[in-house]
């Protein structure tokens, strides 16, 4: 096969404090042809200052470093590297425990992948490959309750309910939604109650994530 036709390997670096975890990811990537291990650092700040940062295509950050640390890193990436490289690394957040609210905040802040550390190797590779191809990806077990199958989701939302759901997906609070639509906060709660009943999703964070999934903004894989 012409080597020119073979796509270049994507370099994966990781911000992780557990050496055994780093070694496990490195070993996993050594078994692939399309992904390669770059470097490991204890924090995003250390990674940003390293020479390897410029060669990183995907950056895996441990959520265990702290949600605020993750958000700060996502906020700083464009500023740190935007002037010296055409693109910034796609960020994958992984952790032993990730709530719906955290997943939504990370995605809205610019993360491209959300996955649990307990995922099997095939799922981890599926996440990394999807993100490497420019897609957003999230493991569906992050949902408090797995999203209903497409055939079970009712789509008979009223125009107003669609408006409310759109604003929820954008991170608006009930009072902000009320102001935006010129209605009372109590009316927003009623609309949300009906939306939850029709979609089968519980909780505003789950609703926002499910909405992003249905629009194709993020892909989910059962695990």
N, C-alpha and C. Protein backbone atom coordinates (compact mmCIF):
# COMPACT_ATOMS: atom_id res chain seq x y z
N UNK A 1 0.84 -1.19 0.00
CA UNK A 1 0.00 0.00 0.00
C UNK A 1 0.88 1.25 0.00
N UNK A 2 0.51 2.23 -0.78
CA UNK A 2 1.25 3.49 -0.85
C UNK A 2 1.20 4.16 0.51
N UNK A 3 2.39 4.43 1.06
CA UNK A 3 2.44 5.04 2.39
C UNK A 3 1.79 6.41 2.42
N UNK A 4 1.71 7.06 1.24
CA UNK A 4 1.09 8.37 1.19
C UNK A 4 -0.41 8.31 1.44
N UNK A 5 -0.98 7.09 1.26
CA UNK A 5 -2.41 6.94 1.45
C UNK A 5 -2.78 6.60 2.90
N UNK A 6 -1.75 6.30 3.69
CA UNK A 6 -2.00 5.94 5.09
C UNK A 6 -2.10 7.22 5.92
N UNK A 7 -3.22 7.44 6.60
CA UNK A 7 -3.37 8.67 7.39
C UNK A 7 -2.36 8.69 8.53
N UNK A 8 -1.83 9.84 8.88
CA UNK A 8 -0.85 9.93 9.96
C UNK A 8 -1.46 9.55 11.30
N UNK A 9 -0.63 9.00 12.16
CA UNK A 9 -1.10 8.66 13.50
C UNK A 9 -1.43 9.94 14.28
N UNK A 10 -2.46 9.83 15.10
CA UNK A 10 -2.81 10.93 15.99
C UNK A 10 -2.08 10.71 17.32
N UNK A 11 -1.50 11.76 17.84
CA UNK A 11 -0.75 11.69 19.09
C UNK A 11 -1.65 12.00 20.28
N UNK A 12 -1.67 11.08 21.23
CA UNK A 12 -2.51 11.22 22.42
C UNK A 12 -1.63 11.47 23.64
N UNK A 13 -1.84 12.58 24.33
CA UNK A 13 -1.15 12.87 25.58
C UNK A 13 -2.17 12.84 26.72
N UNK A 14 -1.65 12.73 27.93
CA UNK A 14 -2.57 12.56 29.06
C UNK A 14 -2.11 13.36 30.27
N UNK A 15 -3.07 13.94 30.99
CA UNK A 15 -2.84 14.61 32.27
C UNK A 15 -3.42 13.71 33.34
N UNK A 16 -2.55 13.02 34.05
CA UNK A 16 -2.98 11.96 34.97
C UNK A 16 -1.90 11.78 36.03
N UNK A 17 -2.31 11.56 37.29
CA UNK A 17 -1.34 11.44 38.38
C UNK A 17 -1.02 9.99 38.74
N UNK A 18 -1.75 9.02 38.18
CA UNK A 18 -1.52 7.62 38.52
C UNK A 18 -0.64 6.95 37.46
N UNK A 19 0.61 6.61 37.80
CA UNK A 19 1.53 6.00 36.83
C UNK A 19 0.99 4.73 36.18
N UNK A 20 0.29 3.91 36.96
CA UNK A 20 -0.24 2.66 36.40
C UNK A 20 -1.29 2.94 35.33
N UNK A 21 -2.10 3.97 35.53
CA UNK A 21 -3.10 4.35 34.55
C UNK A 21 -2.44 4.86 33.27
N UNK A 22 -1.41 5.66 33.43
CA UNK A 22 -0.67 6.16 32.28
C UNK A 22 -0.07 5.00 31.49
N UNK A 23 0.54 4.05 32.20
CA UNK A 23 1.15 2.89 31.54
C UNK A 23 0.10 2.08 30.79
N UNK A 24 -1.10 1.94 31.40
CA UNK A 24 -2.16 1.19 30.75
C UNK A 24 -2.59 1.82 29.45
N UNK A 25 -2.75 3.14 29.43
CA UNK A 25 -3.13 3.83 28.20
C UNK A 25 -2.02 3.72 27.17
N UNK A 26 -0.78 3.87 27.60
CA UNK A 26 0.35 3.77 26.68
C UNK A 26 0.39 2.39 26.03
N UNK A 27 0.21 1.35 26.82
CA UNK A 27 0.20 -0.02 26.29
C UNK A 27 -0.95 -0.21 25.30
N UNK A 28 -2.12 0.33 25.63
CA UNK A 28 -3.28 0.19 24.75
C UNK A 28 -3.01 0.83 23.40
N UNK A 29 -2.41 2.03 23.41
CA UNK A 29 -2.17 2.74 22.16
C UNK A 29 -1.08 2.07 21.32
N UNK A 30 -0.16 1.36 21.98
CA UNK A 30 0.88 0.66 21.24
C UNK A 30 0.32 -0.47 20.39
N UNK A 31 -0.89 -0.90 20.70
CA UNK A 31 -1.53 -1.98 19.95
C UNK A 31 -2.31 -1.48 18.74
N UNK A 32 -2.32 -0.16 18.53
CA UNK A 32 -3.08 0.42 17.42
C UNK A 32 -2.14 0.98 16.35
N UNK A 33 -2.68 1.14 15.15
CA UNK A 33 -1.91 1.72 14.05
C UNK A 33 -2.22 3.19 13.84
N UNK A 34 -3.35 3.64 14.36
CA UNK A 34 -3.79 5.01 14.08
C UNK A 34 -3.59 5.99 15.23
N UNK A 35 -3.25 5.47 16.41
CA UNK A 35 -3.03 6.32 17.57
C UNK A 35 -1.67 6.00 18.19
N UNK A 36 -1.03 7.01 18.69
CA UNK A 36 0.25 6.81 19.35
C UNK A 36 0.30 7.62 20.65
N UNK A 37 1.08 7.12 21.62
CA UNK A 37 1.20 7.80 22.90
C UNK A 37 2.21 8.93 22.79
N UNK A 38 1.84 10.11 23.31
CA UNK A 38 2.73 11.25 23.26
C UNK A 38 3.49 11.45 24.55
N UNK A 39 2.81 11.98 25.57
CA UNK A 39 3.48 12.26 26.84
C UNK A 39 2.45 12.24 27.95
N UNK A 40 2.94 12.24 29.18
CA UNK A 40 2.06 12.31 30.35
C UNK A 40 2.58 13.38 31.29
N UNK A 41 1.66 14.09 31.91
CA UNK A 41 2.00 15.12 32.88
C UNK A 41 0.97 15.08 33.99
N UNK A 42 1.36 15.59 35.15
CA UNK A 42 0.48 15.53 36.32
C UNK A 42 -0.66 16.54 36.26
N UNK A 43 -0.55 17.54 35.39
CA UNK A 43 -1.59 18.57 35.31
C UNK A 43 -1.59 19.21 33.94
N UNK A 44 -2.72 19.80 33.53
CA UNK A 44 -2.76 20.53 32.25
C UNK A 44 -1.74 21.67 32.21
N UNK A 45 -1.51 22.32 33.36
CA UNK A 45 -0.54 23.42 33.39
C UNK A 45 0.85 22.94 33.02
N UNK A 46 1.25 21.77 33.55
CA UNK A 46 2.55 21.20 33.22
C UNK A 46 2.61 20.83 31.75
N UNK A 47 1.54 20.23 31.26
CA UNK A 47 1.50 19.83 29.85
C UNK A 47 1.65 21.05 28.93
N UNK A 48 0.97 22.13 29.25
CA UNK A 48 1.02 23.33 28.42
C UNK A 48 2.42 23.89 28.28
N UNK A 49 3.26 23.69 29.30
CA UNK A 49 4.61 24.22 29.29
C UNK A 49 5.62 23.25 28.66
N UNK A 50 5.16 22.05 28.32
CA UNK A 50 6.08 21.04 27.81
C UNK A 50 6.28 21.17 26.30
N UNK A 51 7.44 20.75 25.78
CA UNK A 51 7.69 20.77 24.34
C UNK A 51 6.72 19.88 23.57
N UNK A 52 6.23 18.81 24.23
CA UNK A 52 5.34 17.86 23.56
C UNK A 52 3.95 18.44 23.29
N UNK A 53 3.63 19.55 23.94
CA UNK A 53 2.28 20.11 23.80
C UNK A 53 1.96 20.43 22.34
N UNK A 54 2.95 20.92 21.61
CA UNK A 54 2.72 21.30 20.22
C UNK A 54 2.48 20.12 19.30
N UNK A 55 2.84 18.91 19.78
CA UNK A 55 2.70 17.72 18.95
C UNK A 55 1.46 16.90 19.31
N UNK A 56 0.70 17.38 20.28
CA UNK A 56 -0.46 16.64 20.78
C UNK A 56 -1.71 16.91 19.95
N UNK A 57 -2.36 15.83 19.48
CA UNK A 57 -3.62 15.96 18.75
C UNK A 57 -4.82 15.76 19.67
N UNK A 58 -4.69 14.82 20.61
CA UNK A 58 -5.74 14.56 21.59
C UNK A 58 -5.14 14.66 22.98
N UNK A 59 -5.82 15.36 23.86
CA UNK A 59 -5.37 15.48 25.24
C UNK A 59 -6.42 14.88 26.17
N UNK A 60 -6.03 13.85 26.91
CA UNK A 60 -6.92 13.21 27.87
C UNK A 60 -6.64 13.82 29.25
N UNK A 61 -7.68 14.36 29.88
CA UNK A 61 -7.52 14.98 31.21
C UNK A 61 -8.36 14.22 32.23
N UNK A 62 -7.72 13.88 33.34
CA UNK A 62 -8.41 13.17 34.42
C UNK A 62 -9.30 14.15 35.18
N UNK A 63 -10.59 13.84 35.22
CA UNK A 63 -11.53 14.69 35.95
C UNK A 63 -11.22 14.71 37.45
N UNK A 64 -10.48 13.67 37.90
CA UNK A 64 -10.09 13.61 39.30
C UNK A 64 -9.17 14.74 39.72
N UNK A 65 -8.59 15.47 38.76
CA UNK A 65 -7.78 16.62 39.07
C UNK A 65 -8.63 17.78 39.59
N UNK A 66 -9.94 17.66 39.39
CA UNK A 66 -10.86 18.71 39.84
C UNK A 66 -11.61 19.32 38.67
N UNK A 67 -12.91 19.47 38.82
CA UNK A 67 -13.73 20.01 37.74
C UNK A 67 -13.25 21.41 37.33
N UNK A 68 -12.87 22.23 38.32
CA UNK A 68 -12.43 23.59 37.99
C UNK A 68 -11.11 23.58 37.24
N UNK A 69 -10.23 22.64 37.59
CA UNK A 69 -8.96 22.50 36.86
C UNK A 69 -9.22 22.15 35.41
N UNK A 70 -10.17 21.26 35.19
CA UNK A 70 -10.54 20.87 33.82
C UNK A 70 -11.09 22.06 33.06
N UNK A 71 -12.00 22.79 33.68
CA UNK A 71 -12.61 23.95 33.02
C UNK A 71 -11.58 25.04 32.73
N UNK A 72 -10.66 25.24 33.66
CA UNK A 72 -9.60 26.24 33.44
C UNK A 72 -8.74 25.84 32.25
N UNK A 73 -8.42 24.54 32.14
CA UNK A 73 -7.60 24.06 31.03
C UNK A 73 -8.32 24.25 29.70
N UNK A 74 -9.60 23.95 29.68
CA UNK A 74 -10.37 24.12 28.45
C UNK A 74 -10.43 25.60 28.05
N UNK A 75 -10.49 26.46 29.04
CA UNK A 75 -10.55 27.90 28.77
C UNK A 75 -9.21 28.44 28.28
N UNK A 76 -8.11 27.86 28.76
CA UNK A 76 -6.79 28.38 28.45
C UNK A 76 -6.20 27.84 27.15
N UNK A 77 -6.66 26.69 26.71
CA UNK A 77 -6.05 26.07 25.52
C UNK A 77 -5.99 26.99 24.31
N UNK A 78 -7.09 27.61 23.88
CA UNK A 78 -7.00 28.49 22.70
C UNK A 78 -6.04 29.65 22.91
N UNK A 79 -6.04 30.23 24.12
CA UNK A 79 -5.18 31.37 24.39
C UNK A 79 -3.71 30.97 24.41
N UNK A 80 -3.43 29.76 24.93
CA UNK A 80 -2.05 29.32 25.03
C UNK A 80 -1.46 28.95 23.68
N UNK A 81 -2.30 28.34 22.81
CA UNK A 81 -1.75 27.77 21.60
C UNK A 81 -2.30 28.37 20.30
N UNK A 82 -3.32 29.18 20.40
CA UNK A 82 -3.95 29.68 19.19
C UNK A 82 -3.01 30.46 18.30
N UNK A 83 -2.02 31.14 18.88
CA UNK A 83 -1.14 31.99 18.09
C UNK A 83 -0.01 31.21 17.42
N UNK A 84 0.23 29.98 17.87
CA UNK A 84 1.39 29.27 17.35
C UNK A 84 1.04 27.98 16.63
N UNK A 85 -0.22 27.58 16.66
CA UNK A 85 -0.60 26.39 15.91
C UNK A 85 -1.99 26.58 15.33
N UNK A 86 -2.20 25.95 14.17
CA UNK A 86 -3.46 26.16 13.47
C UNK A 86 -4.64 25.59 14.24
N UNK A 87 -4.44 24.50 14.96
CA UNK A 87 -5.52 23.88 15.71
C UNK A 87 -5.04 23.58 17.12
N UNK A 88 -5.98 23.45 18.04
CA UNK A 88 -5.64 23.07 19.42
C UNK A 88 -6.03 21.61 19.60
N UNK A 89 -5.43 20.93 20.57
CA UNK A 89 -5.77 19.52 20.78
C UNK A 89 -7.25 19.35 21.12
N UNK A 90 -7.83 18.26 20.65
CA UNK A 90 -9.18 17.90 21.06
C UNK A 90 -9.06 17.27 22.44
N UNK A 91 -9.92 17.68 23.36
CA UNK A 91 -9.81 17.25 24.76
C UNK A 91 -10.84 16.18 25.09
N UNK A 92 -10.37 15.11 25.71
CA UNK A 92 -11.23 14.05 26.22
C UNK A 92 -11.14 14.07 27.74
N UNK A 93 -12.28 14.12 28.41
CA UNK A 93 -12.31 14.09 29.88
C UNK A 93 -12.70 12.69 30.33
N UNK A 94 -11.89 12.11 31.20
CA UNK A 94 -12.27 10.81 31.75
C UNK A 94 -12.14 10.83 33.26
N UNK A 95 -12.90 9.97 33.91
CA UNK A 95 -12.86 9.93 35.37
C UNK A 95 -13.65 8.76 35.89
N UNK A 96 -13.45 8.44 37.14
CA UNK A 96 -14.19 7.34 37.76
C UNK A 96 -15.66 7.72 37.93
N UNK A 97 -15.92 9.00 38.16
CA UNK A 97 -17.30 9.45 38.36
C UNK A 97 -17.47 10.80 37.66
N UNK A 98 -18.43 10.86 36.74
CA UNK A 98 -18.73 12.10 36.04
C UNK A 98 -20.24 12.27 36.03
N UNK A 99 -20.73 13.36 36.59
CA UNK A 99 -22.16 13.59 36.65
C UNK A 99 -22.66 14.21 35.34
N UNK A 100 -23.97 14.17 35.16
CA UNK A 100 -24.57 14.81 33.98
C UNK A 100 -24.23 16.29 33.93
N UNK A 101 -24.32 16.94 35.09
CA UNK A 101 -24.05 18.38 35.15
C UNK A 101 -22.62 18.68 34.74
N UNK A 102 -21.67 17.87 35.23
CA UNK A 102 -20.26 18.07 34.89
C UNK A 102 -20.03 17.81 33.41
N UNK A 103 -20.63 16.73 32.88
CA UNK A 103 -20.46 16.41 31.46
C UNK A 103 -20.95 17.55 30.59
N UNK A 104 -22.09 18.11 30.94
CA UNK A 104 -22.65 19.21 30.16
C UNK A 104 -21.74 20.43 30.21
N UNK A 105 -21.23 20.75 31.41
CA UNK A 105 -20.33 21.90 31.54
C UNK A 105 -19.06 21.70 30.72
N UNK A 106 -18.51 20.48 30.75
CA UNK A 106 -17.28 20.21 30.00
C UNK A 106 -17.52 20.34 28.49
N UNK A 107 -18.64 19.80 28.02
CA UNK A 107 -18.95 19.88 26.59
C UNK A 107 -19.16 21.33 26.17
N UNK A 108 -19.89 22.08 26.99
CA UNK A 108 -20.14 23.49 26.66
C UNK A 108 -18.85 24.31 26.70
N UNK A 109 -17.87 23.85 27.50
CA UNK A 109 -16.60 24.56 27.61
C UNK A 109 -15.62 24.18 26.49
N UNK A 110 -15.99 23.14 25.71
CA UNK A 110 -15.14 22.81 24.57
C UNK A 110 -14.59 21.39 24.53
N UNK A 111 -14.86 20.58 25.56
CA UNK A 111 -14.40 19.19 25.52
C UNK A 111 -15.10 18.45 24.39
N UNK A 112 -14.41 17.48 23.80
CA UNK A 112 -14.96 16.72 22.68
C UNK A 112 -15.32 15.28 23.05
N UNK A 113 -14.78 14.80 24.17
CA UNK A 113 -15.08 13.43 24.58
C UNK A 113 -15.28 13.34 26.07
N UNK A 114 -16.23 12.50 26.50
CA UNK A 114 -16.51 12.26 27.92
C UNK A 114 -16.59 10.75 28.10
N UNK A 115 -15.77 10.21 29.01
CA UNK A 115 -15.76 8.75 29.18
C UNK A 115 -15.35 8.41 30.61
N UNK A 116 -15.85 7.28 31.10
CA UNK A 116 -15.48 6.82 32.43
C UNK A 116 -14.20 5.98 32.35
N UNK A 117 -13.39 6.03 33.40
CA UNK A 117 -12.17 5.22 33.45
C UNK A 117 -12.49 3.73 33.49
N UNK A 118 -13.69 3.41 33.94
CA UNK A 118 -14.07 2.00 34.05
C UNK A 118 -14.50 1.40 32.71
N UNK A 119 -14.51 2.20 31.64
CA UNK A 119 -14.91 1.69 30.32
C UNK A 119 -13.92 0.64 29.84
N UNK A 120 -14.41 -0.30 29.02
CA UNK A 120 -13.50 -1.30 28.49
C UNK A 120 -12.62 -0.70 27.39
N UNK A 121 -11.60 -1.44 27.00
CA UNK A 121 -10.62 -0.90 26.05
C UNK A 121 -11.23 -0.54 24.71
N UNK A 122 -12.19 -1.34 24.24
CA UNK A 122 -12.84 -1.05 22.96
C UNK A 122 -13.59 0.28 23.01
N UNK A 123 -14.23 0.54 24.13
CA UNK A 123 -14.99 1.78 24.28
C UNK A 123 -14.03 2.98 24.35
N UNK A 124 -12.93 2.82 25.07
CA UNK A 124 -11.95 3.90 25.15
C UNK A 124 -11.39 4.22 23.77
N UNK A 125 -11.05 3.20 23.00
CA UNK A 125 -10.52 3.43 21.65
C UNK A 125 -11.59 4.05 20.74
N UNK A 126 -12.84 3.62 20.90
CA UNK A 126 -13.91 4.19 20.09
C UNK A 126 -14.04 5.69 20.37
N UNK A 127 -13.92 6.05 21.63
CA UNK A 127 -13.99 7.47 22.01
C UNK A 127 -12.83 8.24 21.39
N UNK A 128 -11.62 7.75 21.58
CA UNK A 128 -10.44 8.46 21.06
C UNK A 128 -10.49 8.58 19.54
N UNK A 129 -10.92 7.54 18.86
CA UNK A 129 -10.97 7.57 17.40
C UNK A 129 -12.05 8.53 16.90
N UNK A 130 -13.19 8.54 17.56
CA UNK A 130 -14.25 9.45 17.15
C UNK A 130 -13.79 10.90 17.29
N UNK A 131 -13.16 11.19 18.42
CA UNK A 131 -12.68 12.55 18.66
C UNK A 131 -11.55 12.90 17.69
N UNK A 132 -10.69 11.93 17.39
CA UNK A 132 -9.60 12.15 16.45
C UNK A 132 -10.13 12.49 15.06
N UNK A 133 -11.32 11.99 14.75
CA UNK A 133 -11.95 12.24 13.45
C UNK A 133 -12.78 13.52 13.44
N UNK A 134 -12.72 14.26 14.55
CA UNK A 134 -13.41 15.53 14.60
C UNK A 134 -14.83 15.50 15.15
N UNK A 135 -15.24 14.35 15.69
CA UNK A 135 -16.59 14.24 16.24
C UNK A 135 -16.56 14.41 17.76
N UNK A 136 -17.71 14.76 18.32
CA UNK A 136 -17.86 14.78 19.78
C UNK A 136 -18.48 13.46 20.20
N UNK A 137 -18.13 12.98 21.38
CA UNK A 137 -18.50 11.62 21.79
C UNK A 137 -18.68 11.58 23.30
N UNK A 138 -19.71 10.84 23.74
CA UNK A 138 -19.92 10.69 25.17
C UNK A 138 -20.45 9.30 25.48
N UNK A 139 -19.90 8.69 26.51
CA UNK A 139 -20.36 7.38 26.96
C UNK A 139 -21.72 7.53 27.61
N UNK A 140 -22.69 6.72 27.18
CA UNK A 140 -24.06 6.97 27.64
C UNK A 140 -24.29 6.60 29.10
N UNK A 141 -23.35 5.88 29.73
CA UNK A 141 -23.54 5.57 31.15
C UNK A 141 -23.33 6.80 32.02
N UNK A 142 -22.89 7.92 31.42
CA UNK A 142 -22.81 9.17 32.17
C UNK A 142 -24.20 9.64 32.55
N UNK A 143 -25.21 9.26 31.74
CA UNK A 143 -26.58 9.61 32.07
C UNK A 143 -27.00 8.93 33.36
N UNK A 144 -27.73 9.67 34.21
CA UNK A 144 -28.26 9.08 35.44
C UNK A 144 -29.19 7.93 35.08
N UNK A 145 -29.96 8.11 34.02
CA UNK A 145 -30.78 7.04 33.47
C UNK A 145 -30.48 7.02 31.99
N UNK A 146 -30.22 5.84 31.45
CA UNK A 146 -29.89 5.77 30.03
C UNK A 146 -30.99 6.41 29.20
N UNK A 147 -30.62 7.18 28.17
CA UNK A 147 -31.64 7.81 27.34
C UNK A 147 -32.54 6.78 26.69
N UNK A 148 -33.80 7.12 26.55
CA UNK A 148 -34.75 6.19 25.95
C UNK A 148 -34.40 5.93 24.51
N UNK A 149 -34.75 4.75 24.03
CA UNK A 149 -34.52 4.43 22.63
C UNK A 149 -35.31 5.39 21.76
N UNK A 150 -34.81 5.62 20.54
CA UNK A 150 -35.46 6.60 19.67
C UNK A 150 -36.95 6.30 19.49
N UNK A 151 -37.28 5.01 19.39
CA UNK A 151 -38.67 4.65 19.15
C UNK A 151 -39.56 4.96 20.34
N UNK A 152 -38.94 5.15 21.51
CA UNK A 152 -39.72 5.40 22.72
C UNK A 152 -39.85 6.88 23.03
N UNK A 153 -39.04 7.70 22.39
CA UNK A 153 -39.07 9.13 22.68
C UNK A 153 -40.22 9.79 21.93
N UNK A 154 -41.09 10.46 22.67
CA UNK A 154 -42.20 11.16 22.03
C UNK A 154 -41.73 12.50 21.49
N UNK A 155 -42.15 12.83 20.31
CA UNK A 155 -41.68 14.06 19.67
C UNK A 155 -42.78 15.09 19.50
N UNK A 156 -43.89 14.91 20.22
CA UNK A 156 -45.02 15.83 20.05
C UNK A 156 -44.91 17.02 21.00
N UNK A 157 -43.73 17.65 21.04
CA UNK A 157 -43.57 18.85 21.84
C UNK A 157 -44.25 20.03 21.15
N UNK A 158 -44.82 20.91 21.94
CA UNK A 158 -45.42 22.12 21.39
C UNK A 158 -44.31 23.09 20.97
N UNK A 159 -44.61 24.08 20.14
CA UNK A 159 -43.59 25.07 19.76
C UNK A 159 -42.94 25.73 20.98
N UNK A 160 -43.75 26.05 22.00
CA UNK A 160 -43.20 26.68 23.19
C UNK A 160 -42.28 25.72 23.94
N UNK A 161 -42.66 24.43 24.00
CA UNK A 161 -41.82 23.45 24.67
C UNK A 161 -40.48 23.29 23.94
N UNK A 162 -40.53 23.36 22.62
CA UNK A 162 -39.29 23.32 21.84
C UNK A 162 -38.40 24.51 22.18
N UNK A 163 -39.01 25.68 22.34
CA UNK A 163 -38.24 26.87 22.70
C UNK A 163 -37.57 26.71 24.06
N UNK A 164 -38.34 26.20 25.02
CA UNK A 164 -37.81 26.00 26.37
C UNK A 164 -36.66 25.00 26.33
N UNK A 165 -36.84 23.90 25.60
CA UNK A 165 -35.80 22.88 25.52
C UNK A 165 -34.53 23.42 24.87
N UNK A 166 -34.68 24.23 23.84
CA UNK A 166 -33.53 24.83 23.17
C UNK A 166 -32.73 25.69 24.15
N UNK A 167 -33.43 26.46 24.98
CA UNK A 167 -32.74 27.32 25.93
C UNK A 167 -32.09 26.51 27.06
N UNK A 168 -32.72 25.41 27.45
CA UNK A 168 -32.11 24.53 28.44
C UNK A 168 -30.80 23.97 27.89
N UNK A 169 -30.81 23.58 26.62
CA UNK A 169 -29.61 23.04 25.99
C UNK A 169 -28.49 24.07 25.95
N UNK A 170 -28.85 25.34 25.92
CA UNK A 170 -27.86 26.41 25.88
C UNK A 170 -27.38 26.81 27.28
N UNK A 171 -27.93 26.14 28.31
CA UNK A 171 -27.49 26.40 29.67
C UNK A 171 -28.28 27.46 30.41
N UNK A 172 -29.43 27.89 29.87
CA UNK A 172 -30.24 28.92 30.52
C UNK A 172 -30.91 28.34 31.78
N UNK A 173 -30.98 29.14 32.84
CA UNK A 173 -31.72 28.78 34.04
C UNK A 173 -33.19 29.14 33.84
N UNK A 174 -34.06 28.62 34.73
CA UNK A 174 -35.50 28.86 34.59
C UNK A 174 -35.84 30.35 34.53
N UNK A 175 -35.24 31.14 35.41
CA UNK A 175 -35.55 32.57 35.44
C UNK A 175 -35.09 33.24 34.14
N UNK A 176 -33.94 32.80 33.61
CA UNK A 176 -33.44 33.37 32.36
C UNK A 176 -34.32 32.98 31.18
N UNK A 177 -34.83 31.74 31.22
CA UNK A 177 -35.74 31.29 30.17
C UNK A 177 -37.01 32.12 30.20
N UNK A 178 -37.51 32.36 31.41
CA UNK A 178 -38.74 33.17 31.57
C UNK A 178 -38.54 34.56 31.00
N UNK A 179 -37.40 35.17 31.28
CA UNK A 179 -37.12 36.51 30.77
C UNK A 179 -36.99 36.50 29.25
N UNK A 180 -36.34 35.48 28.73
CA UNK A 180 -36.12 35.39 27.28
C UNK A 180 -37.43 35.23 26.52
N UNK A 181 -38.35 34.45 27.09
CA UNK A 181 -39.61 34.16 26.40
C UNK A 181 -40.77 35.04 26.86
N UNK A 182 -40.54 35.87 27.88
CA UNK A 182 -41.60 36.75 28.36
C UNK A 182 -42.70 36.01 29.09
N UNK A 183 -42.32 34.97 29.84
CA UNK A 183 -43.31 34.20 30.60
C UNK A 183 -42.85 34.12 32.06
N UNK A 184 -43.68 33.55 32.93
CA UNK A 184 -43.35 33.45 34.34
C UNK A 184 -42.47 32.22 34.60
N UNK A 185 -41.58 32.29 35.61
CA UNK A 185 -40.75 31.12 35.97
C UNK A 185 -41.59 29.89 36.27
N UNK A 186 -42.76 30.10 36.89
CA UNK A 186 -43.63 28.97 37.17
C UNK A 186 -44.12 28.29 35.90
N UNK A 187 -44.34 29.08 34.86
CA UNK A 187 -44.77 28.52 33.57
C UNK A 187 -43.65 27.70 32.95
N UNK A 188 -42.41 28.15 33.14
CA UNK A 188 -41.26 27.41 32.64
C UNK A 188 -41.22 26.02 33.29
N UNK A 189 -41.46 25.97 34.61
CA UNK A 189 -41.46 24.69 35.33
C UNK A 189 -42.53 23.75 34.77
N UNK A 190 -43.68 24.30 34.43
CA UNK A 190 -44.76 23.47 33.87
C UNK A 190 -44.34 22.92 32.51
N UNK A 191 -43.73 23.78 31.69
CA UNK A 191 -43.26 23.31 30.38
C UNK A 191 -42.21 22.21 30.54
N UNK A 192 -41.31 22.39 31.49
CA UNK A 192 -40.27 21.38 31.71
C UNK A 192 -40.88 20.06 32.16
N UNK A 193 -41.88 20.13 33.02
CA UNK A 193 -42.56 18.91 33.47
C UNK A 193 -43.13 18.16 32.28
N UNK A 194 -43.77 18.88 31.37
CA UNK A 194 -44.35 18.23 30.19
C UNK A 194 -43.26 17.67 29.28
N UNK A 195 -42.15 18.41 29.15
CA UNK A 195 -41.03 17.94 28.31
C UNK A 195 -40.45 16.65 28.87
N UNK A 196 -40.26 16.59 30.19
CA UNK A 196 -39.73 15.38 30.81
C UNK A 196 -40.66 14.20 30.56
N UNK A 197 -41.97 14.44 30.68
CA UNK A 197 -42.94 13.37 30.46
C UNK A 197 -42.91 12.87 29.03
N UNK A 198 -42.77 13.79 28.08
CA UNK A 198 -42.82 13.41 26.66
C UNK A 198 -41.53 12.77 26.16
N UNK A 199 -40.40 13.21 26.70
CA UNK A 199 -39.12 12.68 26.23
C UNK A 199 -38.65 11.46 27.02
N UNK A 200 -39.18 11.30 28.24
CA UNK A 200 -38.73 10.18 29.07
C UNK A 200 -37.40 10.46 29.75
N UNK A 201 -36.89 11.68 29.63
CA UNK A 201 -35.62 12.05 30.26
C UNK A 201 -35.91 12.80 31.55
N UNK A 202 -35.13 12.54 32.59
CA UNK A 202 -35.33 13.20 33.87
C UNK A 202 -34.15 14.13 34.17
N UNK A 203 -34.44 15.35 34.56
CA UNK A 203 -33.40 16.30 34.93
C UNK A 203 -32.98 17.18 33.77
N UNK A 204 -32.74 18.47 34.04
CA UNK A 204 -32.42 19.42 32.98
C UNK A 204 -31.08 19.11 32.33
N UNK A 205 -30.11 18.59 33.10
CA UNK A 205 -28.83 18.27 32.49
C UNK A 205 -28.97 17.09 31.53
N UNK A 206 -29.73 16.08 31.96
CA UNK A 206 -29.97 14.95 31.08
C UNK A 206 -30.74 15.37 29.84
N UNK A 207 -31.67 16.31 30.01
CA UNK A 207 -32.44 16.81 28.88
C UNK A 207 -31.53 17.52 27.88
N UNK A 208 -30.63 18.34 28.40
CA UNK A 208 -29.72 19.06 27.52
C UNK A 208 -28.80 18.10 26.77
N UNK A 209 -28.26 17.12 27.48
CA UNK A 209 -27.37 16.15 26.84
C UNK A 209 -28.11 15.32 25.81
N UNK A 210 -29.34 14.92 26.14
CA UNK A 210 -30.12 14.12 25.21
C UNK A 210 -30.47 14.94 23.97
N UNK A 211 -30.73 16.23 24.16
CA UNK A 211 -31.02 17.10 23.02
C UNK A 211 -29.82 17.22 22.10
N UNK A 212 -28.63 17.35 22.68
CA UNK A 212 -27.41 17.43 21.88
C UNK A 212 -27.19 16.12 21.13
N UNK A 213 -27.52 15.01 21.78
CA UNK A 213 -27.37 13.71 21.11
C UNK A 213 -28.31 13.59 19.92
N UNK A 214 -29.57 13.98 20.11
CA UNK A 214 -30.54 13.87 19.03
C UNK A 214 -30.19 14.74 17.84
N UNK A 215 -29.52 15.87 18.11
CA UNK A 215 -29.10 16.76 17.03
C UNK A 215 -27.83 16.29 16.35
N UNK A 216 -27.22 15.25 16.91
CA UNK A 216 -25.98 14.74 16.33
C UNK A 216 -24.75 15.51 16.76
N UNK A 217 -24.91 16.41 17.76
CA UNK A 217 -23.76 17.18 18.23
C UNK A 217 -22.79 16.27 18.96
N UNK A 218 -23.35 15.29 19.71
CA UNK A 218 -22.50 14.30 20.37
C UNK A 218 -23.01 12.91 20.02
N UNK A 219 -22.09 11.96 19.95
CA UNK A 219 -22.45 10.57 19.72
C UNK A 219 -22.32 9.83 21.03
N UNK A 220 -23.23 8.89 21.28
CA UNK A 220 -23.18 8.10 22.49
C UNK A 220 -23.01 6.64 22.15
N UNK A 221 -22.27 5.94 23.01
CA UNK A 221 -22.10 4.51 22.81
C UNK A 221 -22.45 3.79 24.10
N UNK A 222 -23.32 2.80 24.01
CA UNK A 222 -23.71 2.05 25.20
C UNK A 222 -22.51 1.30 25.74
N UNK A 223 -22.51 1.13 27.04
CA UNK A 223 -21.39 0.41 27.67
C UNK A 223 -21.91 -0.42 28.83
